[in-house]
Protein backbone atom coordinates (compact mmCIF):
# COMPACT_ATOMS: atom_id res chain seq x y z
CA UNK A 1 -17.72 38.76 -56.35
CA UNK A 2 -19.31 36.85 -53.45
CA UNK A 3 -22.46 36.13 -55.47
CA UNK A 4 -20.44 34.92 -58.46
CA UNK A 5 -18.72 32.39 -56.20
CA UNK A 6 -21.53 31.36 -53.87
CA UNK A 7 -24.32 30.74 -56.41
CA UNK A 8 -22.37 28.08 -58.36
CA UNK A 9 -21.36 26.48 -55.04
CA UNK A 10 -25.01 26.34 -53.96
CA UNK A 11 -25.92 24.71 -57.29
CA UNK A 12 -23.07 22.21 -56.98
CA UNK A 13 -24.04 21.41 -53.38
CA UNK A 14 -27.64 20.87 -54.47
CA UNK A 15 -26.59 18.50 -57.23
CA UNK A 16 -24.62 16.38 -54.78
CA UNK A 17 -27.15 16.44 -51.95
CA UNK A 18 -30.30 16.00 -53.99
CA UNK A 19 -28.60 13.57 -56.35
CA UNK A 20 -27.21 11.59 -53.43
CA UNK A 21 -30.57 11.41 -51.70
CA UNK A 22 -32.21 10.41 -54.99
CA UNK A 23 -29.67 7.62 -55.50
CA UNK A 24 -30.31 6.29 -51.99
CA UNK A 25 -34.06 6.53 -52.66
CA UNK A 26 -33.65 4.60 -55.91
CA UNK A 27 -31.50 1.97 -54.22
CA UNK A 28 -33.93 1.40 -51.35
CA UNK A 29 -37.41 2.30 -52.61
CA UNK A 30 -36.94 1.14 -56.19
CA UNK A 31 -34.83 -1.89 -55.21
CA UNK A 32 -31.89 -0.93 -57.41
CA UNK A 33 -29.34 -2.20 -54.92
CA UNK A 34 -26.33 -1.35 -52.85
CA UNK A 35 -24.32 0.25 -55.66
CA UNK A 36 -26.97 2.97 -55.96
CA UNK A 37 -27.14 3.38 -52.20
CA UNK A 38 -23.35 3.52 -51.79
CA UNK A 39 -22.97 6.02 -54.62
CA UNK A 40 -25.67 8.13 -53.02
CA UNK A 41 -23.95 8.06 -49.65
CA UNK A 42 -20.67 9.16 -51.28
CA UNK A 43 -22.45 12.01 -53.08
CA UNK A 44 -23.99 13.14 -49.79
CA UNK A 45 -20.50 13.23 -48.27
CA UNK A 46 -19.24 15.37 -51.15
CA UNK A 47 -22.17 17.73 -50.57
CA UNK A 48 -20.96 18.28 -47.00
CA UNK A 49 -17.53 19.20 -48.29
CA UNK A 50 -18.82 21.53 -51.03
CA UNK A 51 -20.84 23.47 -48.45
CA UNK A 52 -17.60 24.38 -46.64
CA UNK A 53 -16.30 26.17 -49.73
CA UNK A 54 -18.81 29.04 -49.43
CA UNK A 55 -17.12 32.44 -49.01
CA UNK A 56 -19.24 33.31 -45.95
CA UNK A 57 -17.82 31.74 -42.78
CA UNK A 58 -21.12 31.47 -40.88
CA UNK A 59 -22.32 27.85 -40.82
CA UNK A 60 -25.85 28.75 -39.74
CA UNK A 61 -26.26 31.34 -42.49
CA UNK A 62 -24.93 29.03 -45.20
CA UNK A 63 -27.12 26.09 -44.18
CA UNK A 64 -30.20 28.27 -43.71
CA UNK A 65 -29.77 29.83 -47.15
CA UNK A 66 -28.96 26.47 -48.71
CA UNK A 67 -32.33 25.22 -47.44
CA UNK A 68 -34.04 27.47 -49.98
CA UNK A 69 -31.78 26.25 -52.75
CA UNK A 70 -32.58 22.68 -51.70
CA UNK A 71 -36.34 23.31 -51.95
CA UNK A 72 -36.16 24.77 -55.46
CA UNK A 73 -33.53 22.26 -56.57
CA UNK A 74 -35.56 19.32 -55.33
CA UNK A 75 -38.54 20.37 -57.42
CA UNK A 76 -36.29 20.84 -60.47
CA UNK A 77 -34.67 17.42 -59.87
CA UNK A 78 -38.07 15.78 -59.63
CA UNK A 79 -39.06 17.37 -62.93
CA UNK A 80 -35.87 16.27 -64.67
CA UNK A 81 -35.51 12.77 -63.22
CA UNK A 82 -38.99 11.60 -62.25
CA UNK A 83 -41.39 13.47 -64.50
CA UNK A 84 -42.80 15.46 -61.57
CA UNK A 85 -44.86 18.48 -62.61
CA UNK A 86 -45.02 21.14 -59.89
CA UNK A 87 -48.23 23.09 -59.53
CA UNK A 88 -48.41 26.85 -59.06
CA UNK A 89 -48.13 26.48 -55.29
CA UNK A 90 -44.94 24.45 -55.60
CA UNK A 91 -43.47 27.10 -57.88
CA UNK A 92 -44.65 29.94 -55.64
CA UNK A 93 -43.15 28.28 -52.59
CA UNK A 94 -39.84 27.69 -54.36
CA UNK A 95 -39.68 31.33 -55.46
CA UNK A 96 -40.36 32.46 -51.89
CA UNK A 97 -37.55 30.18 -50.71
CA UNK A 98 -35.15 31.61 -53.30
CA UNK A 99 -36.08 35.13 -52.24
CA UNK A 100 -35.17 34.06 -48.71
CA UNK A 101 -31.82 32.81 -49.97
CA UNK A 102 -31.12 36.20 -51.53
CA UNK A 103 -32.02 38.06 -48.32
CA UNK A 104 -30.03 35.74 -46.04
CA UNK A 105 -26.92 35.61 -48.21
CA UNK A 106 -26.72 38.84 -50.15
CA UNK A 107 -28.44 41.57 -48.13
CA UNK A 108 -26.08 44.43 -47.36
CA UNK A 109 -24.65 44.17 -43.88
CA UNK A 110 -22.71 46.69 -41.89
CA UNK A 111 -19.82 44.26 -41.30
């Protein structure tokens, strides 16, 4: 049950954090303006809230595991939004990160 709840929350958090950062990037680096920047800042704030909805109560564990989701999600976002094409090392690194997510979040513990 924990996996069924936490995976969608990680995906939702990634959409808000990566999307928010991308909007700020577009506003500043691509000169799209303050509306883009402000929307990005709001999305980043929502990301912070979504992260608190994880079923595990350990902040460090959630943020550490989310780091792996962020890595893989950032590559996927770049592919979808900017035409980025990851090479085999990008993909390998992202898969290693996702394996780390699985170990950190879902390994059996004696709790």
